[in-house]
Amino acid sequence: MSDPTALSTPRTGPAPRSAWAIQRAVLFALMTRELKTRFGGRWIGGIWFVLEPLAHVLMMVAMFGVMHQAVSPSIDYPVFLVTGLLPFFTFRSLSMRLMDGIDANRALFSYRQVKPMDTLVSRALLELVLHLAVLALALAVLAWLGYRVQPAAPLELAGVWALLSLFGTGLGTLLAVLGQALPPLRAMVRLAFFPLYLLSGVMFPLHALPPALVELLLLNPVLHLVEEARGQFFAAYPMLPGVNLAYPALWTLVCTVLALALYRLRRLRLIAER
């Protein structure tokens, strides 16, 4: 006859994890995997990721160093470049890396806990952390060289970076979903980023251009973010008239809503497609 006290003894074991704990574990595992694949598992990839924007700045300074006075006598051209290059590179990287995020992680969708959106979120978080680290390193190098790198309005600058990150994430998610139905779209997007780079005021100031041309350039929401980032960094920066955060915020809202709606409609196809 069995002991009645044994029936009342509670079973011991690990407590079931909450949904949030599972989500965190999935995102951490995906970010670790992305970090390894991002640099090919070799330290040289990480070094190149850091040196690329710095080499870009050195090349631009060597080519356009005479633009120092064209920007402002109180603004150093290398700092001007960094405060425009890094925001643009972050936006470009978020958009393009997320665009390829679903295909790059398709093999993981056989695991029940991993969803396509998880791969996009993990990529966005990793790209943002990496680019912020490069920005901090670039500013530290410029400070070591004797340049003034203290932001005039750090909280406002953080807000601009937050909006830029949301915009890049929303656009990248939208392109990731659309790219599954329209594969040629990816090649078109890659080609479009070069003229966008030239039209976003990254390399040279735009306030000396004719007003009619400036009005056309202001249709580019990335230009607003680059100008706002510099305007919050430099107290004496001559920001273009007409620049505001409402316009890129509207683009961010539209891209994010469309991305989430299309993802909701196509989420099962995104998992099933090969």
C-alpha atoms as a PDB file:
ATOM      1  CA  MET A   1       0.000   0.000   0.000  1.00  0.00           C
ATOM      2  CA  SER A   2       1.393   3.400  -0.985  1.00  0.00           C
ATOM      3  CA  ASP A   3       2.287   6.023   1.581  1.00  0.00           C
ATOM      4  CA  PRO A   4      -0.478   8.722   1.620  1.00  0.00           C
ATOM      5  CA  THR A   5       2.072  11.388   2.527  1.00  0.00           C
ATOM      6  CA  ALA A   6       3.877  10.809  -0.773  1.00  0.00           C
ATOM      7  CA  LEU A   7       0.798  11.880  -2.699  1.00  0.00           C
ATOM      8  CA  SER A   8       0.759  15.278  -1.021  1.00  0.00           C
ATOM      9  CA  THR A   9       4.451  15.999  -1.569  1.00  0.00           C
ATOM     10  CA  PRO A  10       4.772  18.812  -4.150  1.00  0.00           C
ATOM     11  CA  ARG A  11       6.944  18.202  -7.157  1.00  0.00           C
ATOM     12  CA  THR A  12      10.097  20.227  -7.404  1.00  0.00           C
ATOM     13  CA  GLY A  13      11.576  21.542 -10.632  1.00  0.00           C
ATOM     14  CA  PRO A  14      12.242  24.695 -12.587  1.00  0.00           C
ATOM     15  CA  ALA A  15       9.368  27.125 -12.633  1.00  0.00           C
ATOM     16  CA  PRO A  16       7.839  27.730 -16.058  1.00  0.00           C
ATOM     17  CA  ARG A  17       9.231  30.838 -17.725  1.00  0.00           C
ATOM     18  CA  SER A  18       7.023  33.772 -18.524  1.00  0.00           C
ATOM     19  CA  ALA A  19       6.377  34.873 -22.098  1.00  0.00           C
ATOM     20  CA  TRP A  20       8.592  37.925 -21.544  1.00  0.00           C
ATOM     21  CA  ALA A  21      11.453  35.751 -20.260  1.00  0.00           C
ATOM     22  CA  ILE A  22      11.202  33.555 -23.355  1.00  0.00           C
ATOM     23  CA  GLN A  23      11.120  36.635 -25.590  1.00  0.00           C
ATOM     24  CA  ARG A  24      14.234  38.061 -23.948  1.00  0.00           C
ATOM     25  CA  ALA A  25      16.062  34.769 -24.339  1.00  0.00           C
ATOM     26  CA  VAL A  26      15.120  34.591 -28.021  1.00  0.00           C
ATOM     27  CA  LEU A  27      16.248  38.170 -28.696  1.00  0.00           C
ATOM     28  CA  PHE A  28      19.525  37.668 -26.835  1.00  0.00           C
ATOM     29  CA  ALA A  29      20.269  34.466 -28.750  1.00  0.00           C
ATOM     30  CA  LEU A  30      19.434  36.144 -32.061  1.00  0.00           C
ATOM     31  CA  MET A  31      21.593  39.186 -31.259  1.00  0.00           C
ATOM     32  CA  THR A  32      24.513  36.908 -30.352  1.00  0.00           C
ATOM     33  CA  ARG A  33      24.093  35.045 -33.621  1.00  0.00           C
ATOM     34  CA  GLU A  34      23.808  38.300 -35.574  1.00  0.00           C
ATOM     35  CA  LEU A  35      26.956  39.642 -33.932  1.00  0.00           C
ATOM     36  CA  LYS A  36      28.924  36.588 -35.036  1.00  0.00           C
ATOM     37  CA  THR A  37      27.582  36.582 -38.586  1.00  0.00           C
ATOM     38  CA  ARG A  38      27.866  40.383 -38.869  1.00  0.00           C
ATOM     39  CA  PHE A  39      31.655  40.224 -38.686  1.00  0.00           C
ATOM     40  CA  GLY A  40      32.179  36.727 -40.061  1.00  0.00           C
ATOM     41  CA  GLY A  41      33.255  35.438 -36.655  1.00  0.00           C
ATOM     42  CA  ARG A  42      36.606  37.253 -36.971  1.00  0.00           C
ATOM     43  CA  TRP A  43      37.999  40.257 -35.142  1.00  0.00           C
ATOM     44  CA  ILE A  44      39.099  41.881 -38.403  1.00  0.00           C
ATOM     45  CA  GLY A  45      35.435  42.397 -39.306  1.00  0.00           C
ATOM     46  CA  GLY A  46      34.830  44.367 -36.125  1.00  0.00           C
ATOM     47  CA  ILE A  47      37.918  46.493 -36.699  1.00  0.00           C
ATOM     48  CA  TRP A  48      36.813  47.322 -40.236  1.00  0.00           C
ATOM     49  CA  PHE A  49      33.324  48.229 -39.003  1.00  0.00           C
ATOM     50  CA  VAL A  50      34.908  50.813 -36.685  1.00  0.00           C
ATOM     51  CA  LEU A  51      37.529  52.070 -39.123  1.00  0.00           C
ATOM     52  CA  GLU A  52      35.194  52.485 -42.115  1.00  0.00           C
ATOM     53  CA  PRO A  53      33.460  55.695 -40.934  1.00  0.00           C
ATOM     54  CA  LEU A  54      36.739  57.075 -39.566  1.00  0.00           C
ATOM     55  CA  ALA A  55      38.456  56.443 -42.904  1.00  0.00           C
ATOM     56  CA  HIS A  56      35.495  58.066 -44.621  1.00  0.00           C
ATOM     57  CA  VAL A  57      35.937  61.175 -42.473  1.00  0.00           C
ATOM     58  CA  LEU A  58      39.679  61.323 -43.177  1.00  0.00           C
ATOM     59  CA  MET A  59      39.087  61.019 -46.913  1.00  0.00           C
ATOM     60  CA  MET A  60      36.431  63.738 -46.913  1.00  0.00           C
ATOM     61  CA  VAL A  61      38.616  66.051 -44.827  1.00  0.00           C
ATOM     62  CA  ALA A  62      41.483  65.544 -47.264  1.00  0.00           C
ATOM     63  CA  MET A  63      39.221  66.278 -50.235  1.00  0.00           C
ATOM     64  CA  PHE A  64      36.979  69.013 -48.855  1.00  0.00           C
ATOM     65  CA  GLY A  65      38.943  70.453 -45.950  1.00  0.00           C
ATOM     66  CA  VAL A  66      38.635  73.899 -47.541  1.00  0.00           C
ATOM     67  CA  MET A  67      34.921  73.849 -46.636  1.00  0.00           C
ATOM     68  CA  HIS A  68      35.698  74.739 -43.023  1.00  0.00           C
ATOM     69  CA  GLN A  69      34.807  78.385 -43.536  1.00  0.00           C
ATOM     70  CA  ALA A  70      31.790  77.467 -45.677  1.00  0.00           C
ATOM     71  CA  VAL A  71      30.200  75.646 -42.748  1.00  0.00           C
ATOM     72  CA  SER A  72      30.846  78.162 -39.984  1.00  0.00           C
ATOM     73  CA  PRO A  73      34.018  79.653 -38.474  1.00  0.00           C
ATOM     74  CA  SER A  74      33.049  78.130 -35.118  1.00  0.00           C
ATOM     75  CA  ILE A  75      32.373  74.612 -36.459  1.00  0.00           C
ATOM     76  CA  ASP A  76      35.226  72.222 -37.215  1.00  0.00           C
ATOM     77  CA  TYR A  77      34.737  70.359 -40.486  1.00  0.00           C
ATOM     78  CA  PRO A  78      35.737  66.892 -39.136  1.00  0.00           C
ATOM     79  CA  VAL A  79      33.114  67.202 -36.375  1.00  0.00           C
ATOM     80  CA  PHE A  80      30.628  68.472 -38.969  1.00  0.00           C
ATOM     81  CA  LEU A  81      31.270  65.332 -41.017  1.00  0.00           C
ATOM     82  CA  VAL A  82      30.954  62.908 -38.102  1.00  0.00           C
ATOM     83  CA  THR A  83      27.660  64.436 -36.946  1.00  0.00           C
ATOM     84  CA  GLY A  84      26.242  63.909 -40.439  1.00  0.00           C
ATOM     85  CA  LEU A  85      27.892  60.671 -41.511  1.00  0.00           C
ATOM     86  CA  LEU A  86      27.050  58.595 -38.457  1.00  0.00           C
ATOM     87  CA  PRO A  87      23.320  59.448 -38.426  1.00  0.00           C
ATOM     88  CA  PHE A  88      23.082  58.655 -42.140  1.00  0.00           C
ATOM     89  CA  PHE A  89      25.110  55.444 -41.840  1.00  0.00           C
ATOM     90  CA  THR A  90      22.894  54.346 -38.947  1.00  0.00           C
ATOM     91  CA  PHE A  91      19.720  54.981 -40.932  1.00  0.00           C
ATOM     92  CA  ARG A  92      21.121  53.230 -44.008  1.00  0.00           C
ATOM     93  CA  SER A  93      22.327  50.239 -42.026  1.00  0.00           C
ATOM     94  CA  LEU A  94      19.015  49.831 -40.204  1.00  0.00           C
ATOM     95  CA  SER A  95      17.047  49.986 -43.446  1.00  0.00           C
ATOM     96  CA  MET A  96      19.250  47.658 -45.479  1.00  0.00           C
ATOM     97  CA  ARG A  97      20.129  45.136 -42.777  1.00  0.00           C
ATOM     98  CA  LEU A  98      16.489  44.727 -41.799  1.00  0.00           C
ATOM     99  CA  MET A  99      15.513  44.426 -45.467  1.00  0.00           C
ATOM    100  CA  ASP A 100      17.625  41.236 -45.675  1.00  0.00           C
ATOM    101  CA  GLY A 101      16.864  40.057 -42.140  1.00  0.00           C
ATOM    102  CA  ILE A 102      14.072  37.593 -42.899  1.00  0.00           C
ATOM    103  CA  ASP A 103      15.907  35.668 -45.617  1.00  0.00           C
ATOM    104  CA  ALA A 104      19.116  35.565 -43.581  1.00  0.00           C
ATOM    105  CA  ASN A 105      17.351  33.893 -40.644  1.00  0.00           C
ATOM    106  CA  ARG A 106      14.749  31.790 -42.447  1.00  0.00           C
ATOM    107  CA  ALA A 107      16.227  28.515 -41.197  1.00  0.00           C
ATOM    108  CA  LEU A 108      15.440  29.578 -37.622  1.00  0.00           C
ATOM    109  CA  PHE A 109      11.699  29.784 -38.247  1.00  0.00           C
ATOM    110  CA  SER A 110      11.444  26.027 -37.750  1.00  0.00           C
ATOM    111  CA  TYR A 111      11.768  26.795 -34.028  1.00  0.00           C
ATOM    112  CA  ARG A 112       8.380  27.598 -32.582  1.00  0.00           C
ATOM    113  CA  GLN A 113       9.678  30.453 -30.400  1.00  0.00           C
ATOM    114  CA  VAL A 114      11.343  32.355 -33.276  1.00  0.00           C
ATOM    115  CA  LYS A 115       9.171  34.649 -35.379  1.00  0.00           C
ATOM    116  CA  PRO A 116      10.229  36.816 -38.347  1.00  0.00           C
ATOM    117  CA  MET A 117       9.668  39.959 -36.279  1.00  0.00           C
ATOM    118  CA  ASP A 118      12.116  38.674 -33.658  1.00  0.00           C
ATOM    119  CA  THR A 119      14.902  38.568 -36.236  1.00  0.00           C
ATOM    120  CA  LEU A 120      14.134  42.133 -37.339  1.00  0.00           C
ATOM    121  CA  VAL A 121      14.033  43.499 -33.793  1.00  0.00           C
ATOM    122  CA  SER A 122      17.311  41.794 -32.878  1.00  0.00           C
ATOM    123  CA  ARG A 123      19.006  43.200 -35.987  1.00  0.00           C
ATOM    124  CA  ALA A 124      17.709  46.692 -35.277  1.00  0.00           C
ATOM    125  CA  LEU A 125      18.940  46.614 -31.674  1.00  0.00           C
ATOM    126  CA  LEU A 126      22.361  45.302 -32.668  1.00  0.00           C
ATOM    127  CA  GLU A 127      22.851  47.852 -35.470  1.00  0.00           C
ATOM    128  CA  LEU A 128      21.846  50.712 -33.184  1.00  0.00           C
ATOM    129  CA  VAL A 129      24.211  49.626 -30.403  1.00  0.00           C
ATOM    130  CA  LEU A 130      27.105  49.159 -32.837  1.00  0.00           C
ATOM    131  CA  HIS A 131      26.648  52.531 -34.522  1.00  0.00           C
ATOM    132  CA  LEU A 132      26.269  54.379 -31.226  1.00  0.00           C
ATOM    133  CA  ALA A 133      29.523  52.766 -30.094  1.00  0.00           C
ATOM    134  CA  VAL A 134      31.239  53.914 -33.297  1.00  0.00           C
ATOM    135  CA  LEU A 135      29.842  57.435 -32.803  1.00  0.00           C
ATOM    136  CA  ALA A 136      31.202  57.552 -29.252  1.00  0.00           C
ATOM    137  CA  LEU A 137      34.593  56.287 -30.445  1.00  0.00           C
ATOM    138  CA  ALA A 138      34.736  58.798 -33.318  1.00  0.00           C
ATOM    139  CA  LEU A 139      33.923  61.692 -30.993  1.00  0.00           C
ATOM    140  CA  ALA A 140      36.519  60.449 -28.507  1.00  0.00           C
ATOM    141  CA  VAL A 141      39.168  60.397 -31.246  1.00  0.00           C
ATOM    142  CA  LEU A 142      38.222  63.926 -32.332  1.00  0.00           C
ATOM    143  CA  ALA A 143      38.366  65.120 -28.718  1.00  0.00           C
ATOM    144  CA  TRP A 144      41.806  63.535 -28.353  1.00  0.00           C
ATOM    145  CA  LEU A 145      42.890  65.463 -31.465  1.00  0.00           C
ATOM    146  CA  GLY A 146      41.770  68.707 -29.842  1.00  0.00           C
ATOM    147  CA  TYR A 147      38.371  69.291 -31.453  1.00  0.00           C
ATOM    148  CA  ARG A 148      35.327  70.444 -29.503  1.00  0.00           C
ATOM    149  CA  VAL A 149      32.835  67.588 -29.373  1.00  0.00           C
ATOM    150  CA  GLN A 150      30.449  68.527 -26.563  1.00  0.00           C
ATOM    151  CA  PRO A 151      26.816  68.614 -27.799  1.00  0.00           C
ATOM    152  CA  ALA A 152      24.965  71.880 -27.253  1.00  0.00           C
ATOM    153  CA  ALA A 153      21.650  70.123 -26.487  1.00  0.00           C
ATOM    154  CA  PRO A 154      22.310  66.460 -25.569  1.00  0.00           C
ATOM    155  CA  LEU A 155      18.713  65.557 -24.666  1.00  0.00           C
ATOM    156  CA  GLU A 156      17.328  67.017 -27.883  1.00  0.00           C
ATOM    157  CA  LEU A 157      20.099  65.249 -29.803  1.00  0.00           C
ATOM    158  CA  ALA A 158      19.108  61.948 -28.193  1.00  0.00           C
ATOM    159  CA  GLY A 159      15.527  62.578 -29.296  1.00  0.00           C
ATOM    160  CA  VAL A 160      16.651  63.122 -32.893  1.00  0.00           C
ATOM    161  CA  TRP A 161      18.632  59.877 -32.793  1.00  0.00           C
ATOM    162  CA  ALA A 162      15.630  58.044 -31.371  1.00  0.00           C
ATOM    163  CA  LEU A 163      13.411  59.280 -34.208  1.00  0.00           C
ATOM    164  CA  LEU A 164      16.076  58.400 -36.779  1.00  0.00           C
ATOM    165  CA  SER A 165      16.340  54.887 -35.331  1.00  0.00           C
ATOM    166  CA  LEU A 166      12.579  54.400 -35.395  1.00  0.00           C
ATOM    167  CA  PHE A 167      12.428  55.650 -38.978  1.00  0.00           C
ATOM    168  CA  GLY A 168      15.178  53.287 -40.114  1.00  0.00           C
ATOM    169  CA  THR A 169      13.548  50.378 -38.281  1.00  0.00           C
ATOM    170  CA  GLY A 170      10.101  51.110 -39.698  1.00  0.00           C
ATOM    171  CA  LEU A 171      11.403  51.491 -43.246  1.00  0.00           C
ATOM    172  CA  GLY A 172      13.601  48.408 -42.935  1.00  0.00           C
ATOM    173  CA  THR A 173      10.678  46.314 -41.681  1.00  0.00           C
ATOM    174  CA  LEU A 174       8.495  47.552 -44.532  1.00  0.00           C
ATOM    175  CA  LEU A 175      11.197  46.712 -47.078  1.00  0.00           C
ATOM    176  CA  ALA A 176      11.715  43.282 -45.488  1.00  0.00           C
ATOM    177  CA  VAL A 177       8.050  42.380 -45.975  1.00  0.00           C
ATOM    178  CA  LEU A 178       7.737  43.945 -49.428  1.00  0.00           C
ATOM    179  CA  GLY A 179      11.008  42.381 -50.543  1.00  0.00           C
ATOM    180  CA  GLN A 180       9.532  38.906 -50.119  1.00  0.00           C
ATOM    181  CA  ALA A 181       6.804  39.688 -52.660  1.00  0.00           C
ATOM    182  CA  LEU A 182       8.935  41.948 -54.889  1.00  0.00           C
ATOM    183  CA  PRO A 183      12.558  40.707 -54.894  1.00  0.00           C
ATOM    184  CA  PRO A 184      13.762  43.326 -57.469  1.00  0.00           C
ATOM    185  CA  LEU A 185      12.854  46.007 -54.927  1.00  0.00           C
ATOM    186  CA  ARG A 186      15.971  45.206 -52.908  1.00  0.00           C
ATOM    187  CA  ALA A 187      18.351  46.051 -55.741  1.00  0.00           C
ATOM    188  CA  MET A 188      16.490  49.292 -56.382  1.00  0.00           C
ATOM    189  CA  VAL A 189      16.753  50.280 -52.719  1.00  0.00           C
ATOM    190  CA  ARG A 190      20.494  49.631 -52.644  1.00  0.00           C
ATOM    191  CA  LEU A 191      20.960  51.839 -55.699  1.00  0.00           C
ATOM    192  CA  ALA A 192      18.765  54.576 -54.226  1.00  0.00           C
ATOM    193  CA  PHE A 193      20.913  55.024 -51.130  1.00  0.00           C
ATOM    194  CA  PHE A 194      23.827  56.558 -53.030  1.00  0.00           C
ATOM    195  CA  PRO A 195      21.891  59.574 -54.383  1.00  0.00           C
ATOM    196  CA  LEU A 196      20.159  59.786 -51.002  1.00  0.00           C
ATOM    197  CA  TYR A 197      23.608  60.105 -49.429  1.00  0.00           C
ATOM    198  CA  LEU A 198      24.432  63.034 -51.716  1.00  0.00           C
ATOM    199  CA  LEU A 199      21.051  64.718 -51.177  1.00  0.00           C
ATOM    200  CA  SER A 200      21.062  64.530 -47.378  1.00  0.00           C
ATOM    201  CA  GLY A 201      23.687  67.195 -46.713  1.00  0.00           C
ATOM    202  CA  VAL A 202      26.149  64.727 -45.244  1.00  0.00           C
ATOM    203  CA  MET A 203      29.352  65.992 -46.862  1.00  0.00           C
ATOM    204  CA  PHE A 204      28.743  69.712 -47.268  1.00  0.00           C
ATOM    205  CA  PRO A 205      26.427  72.423 -45.901  1.00  0.00           C
ATOM    206  CA  LEU A 206      23.306  73.184 -47.922  1.00  0.00           C
ATOM    207  CA  HIS A 207      22.397  76.632 -46.603  1.00  0.00           C
ATOM    208  CA  ALA A 208      24.334  78.341 -49.436  1.00  0.00           C
ATOM    209  CA  LEU A 209      22.292  76.632 -52.167  1.00  0.00           C
ATOM    210  CA  PRO A 210      19.527  78.475 -54.086  1.00  0.00           C
ATOM    211  CA  PRO A 211      16.202  78.532 -52.189  1.00  0.00           C
ATOM    212  CA  ALA A 212      14.376  76.757 -55.027  1.00  0.00           C
ATOM    213  CA  LEU A 213      16.811  73.843 -54.855  1.00  0.00           C
ATOM    214  CA  VAL A 214      16.627  73.741 -51.062  1.00  0.00           C
ATOM    215  CA  GLU A 215      12.828  73.400 -51.251  1.00  0.00           C
ATOM    216  CA  LEU A 216      13.226  70.306 -53.410  1.00  0.00           C
ATOM    217  CA  LEU A 217      15.859  68.833 -51.104  1.00  0.00           C
ATOM    218  CA  LEU A 218      13.565  69.319 -48.108  1.00  0.00           C
ATOM    219  CA  LEU A 219      11.288  66.626 -49.555  1.00  0.00           C
ATOM    220  CA  ASN A 220      13.929  64.188 -48.292  1.00  0.00           C
ATOM    221  CA  PRO A 221      13.047  63.272 -44.671  1.00  0.00           C
ATOM    222  CA  VAL A 222      16.594  62.068 -43.955  1.00  0.00           C
ATOM    223  CA  LEU A 223      17.875  65.586 -44.661  1.00  0.00           C
ATOM    224  CA  HIS A 224      15.650  66.901 -41.852  1.00  0.00           C
ATOM    225  CA  LEU A 225      17.120  64.370 -39.420  1.00  0.00           C
ATOM    226  CA  VAL A 226      20.725  65.101 -40.403  1.00  0.00           C
ATOM    227  CA  GLU A 227      20.147  68.848 -40.109  1.00  0.00           C
ATOM    228  CA  GLU A 228      18.389  68.465 -36.755  1.00  0.00           C
ATOM    229  CA  ALA A 229      21.202  66.258 -35.446  1.00  0.00           C
ATOM    230  CA  ARG A 230      23.737  68.929 -36.335  1.00  0.00           C
ATOM    231  CA  GLY A 231      21.515  71.734 -35.079  1.00  0.00           C
ATOM    232  CA  GLN A 232      21.300  70.086 -31.646  1.00  0.00           C
ATOM    233  CA  PHE A 233      25.039  69.351 -31.620  1.00  0.00           C
ATOM    234  CA  PHE A 234      26.322  72.808 -32.634  1.00  0.00           C
ATOM    235  CA  ALA A 235      24.906  75.884 -30.917  1.00  0.00           C
ATOM    236  CA  ALA A 236      25.873  78.125 -33.862  1.00  0.00           C
ATOM    237  CA  TYR A 237      24.866  75.788 -36.686  1.00  0.00           C
ATOM    238  CA  PRO A 238      22.992  77.622 -39.502  1.00  0.00           C
ATOM    239  CA  MET A 239      20.120  75.176 -39.912  1.00  0.00           C
ATOM    240  CA  LEU A 240      18.130  75.268 -43.136  1.00  0.00           C
ATOM    241  CA  PRO A 241      14.821  77.141 -42.909  1.00  0.00           C
ATOM    242  CA  GLY A 242      11.932  74.704 -43.139  1.00  0.00           C
ATOM    243  CA  VAL A 243      13.702  71.879 -41.321  1.00  0.00           C
ATOM    244  CA  ASN A 244      11.587  70.239 -38.608  1.00  0.00           C
ATOM    245  CA  LEU A 245      11.014  66.898 -36.917  1.00  0.00           C
ATOM    246  CA  ALA A 246       7.308  66.673 -37.742  1.00  0.00           C
ATOM    247  CA  TYR A 247       7.996  65.719 -41.364  1.00  0.00           C
ATOM    248  CA  PRO A 248      10.299  62.736 -40.668  1.00  0.00           C
ATOM    249  CA  ALA A 249       8.018  61.767 -37.767  1.00  0.00           C
ATOM    250  CA  LEU A 250       5.137  61.506 -40.258  1.00  0.00           C
ATOM    251  CA  TRP A 251       7.273  59.325 -42.527  1.00  0.00           C
ATOM    252  CA  THR A 252       8.167  57.168 -39.538  1.00  0.00           C
ATOM    253  CA  LEU A 253       4.522  56.733 -38.564  1.00  0.00           C
ATOM    254  CA  VAL A 254       3.425  55.856 -42.103  1.00  0.00           C
ATOM    255  CA  CYS A 255       6.267  53.374 -42.665  1.00  0.00           C
ATOM    256  CA  THR A 256       5.743  51.707 -39.292  1.00  0.00           C
ATOM    257  CA  VAL A 257       1.964  51.368 -39.667  1.00  0.00           C
ATOM    258  CA  LEU A 258       2.293  49.979 -43.205  1.00  0.00           C
ATOM    259  CA  ALA A 259       5.062  47.617 -42.107  1.00  0.00           C
ATOM    260  CA  LEU A 260       3.086  46.220 -39.182  1.00  0.00           C
ATOM    261  CA  ALA A 261      -0.093  45.897 -41.253  1.00  0.00           C
ATOM    262  CA  LEU A 262       1.669  44.043 -44.078  1.00  0.00           C
ATOM    263  CA  TYR A 263       3.537  41.883 -41.586  1.00  0.00           C
ATOM    264  CA  ARG A 264       0.255  40.952 -39.945  1.00  0.00           C
ATOM    265  CA  LEU A 265      -1.240  39.980 -43.300  1.00  0.00           C
ATOM    266  CA  ARG A 266       1.789  38.029 -44.532  1.00  0.00           C
ATOM    267  CA  ARG A 267       3.282  36.636 -41.322  1.00  0.00           C
ATOM    268  CA  LEU A 268       2.376  33.013 -42.142  1.00  0.00           C
ATOM    269  CA  ARG A 269       3.717  33.315 -45.691  1.00  0.00           C
ATOM    270  CA  LEU A 270       6.951  34.803 -44.378  1.00  0.00           C
ATOM    271  CA  ILE A 271       7.495  31.643 -42.346  1.00  0.00           C
ATOM    272  CA  ALA A 272       6.379  29.216 -45.059  1.00  0.00           C
ATOM    273  CA  GLU A 273       8.211  30.752 -48.043  1.00  0.00           C
ATOM    274  CA  ARG A 274      11.536  29.219 -49.026  1.00  0.00           C
END
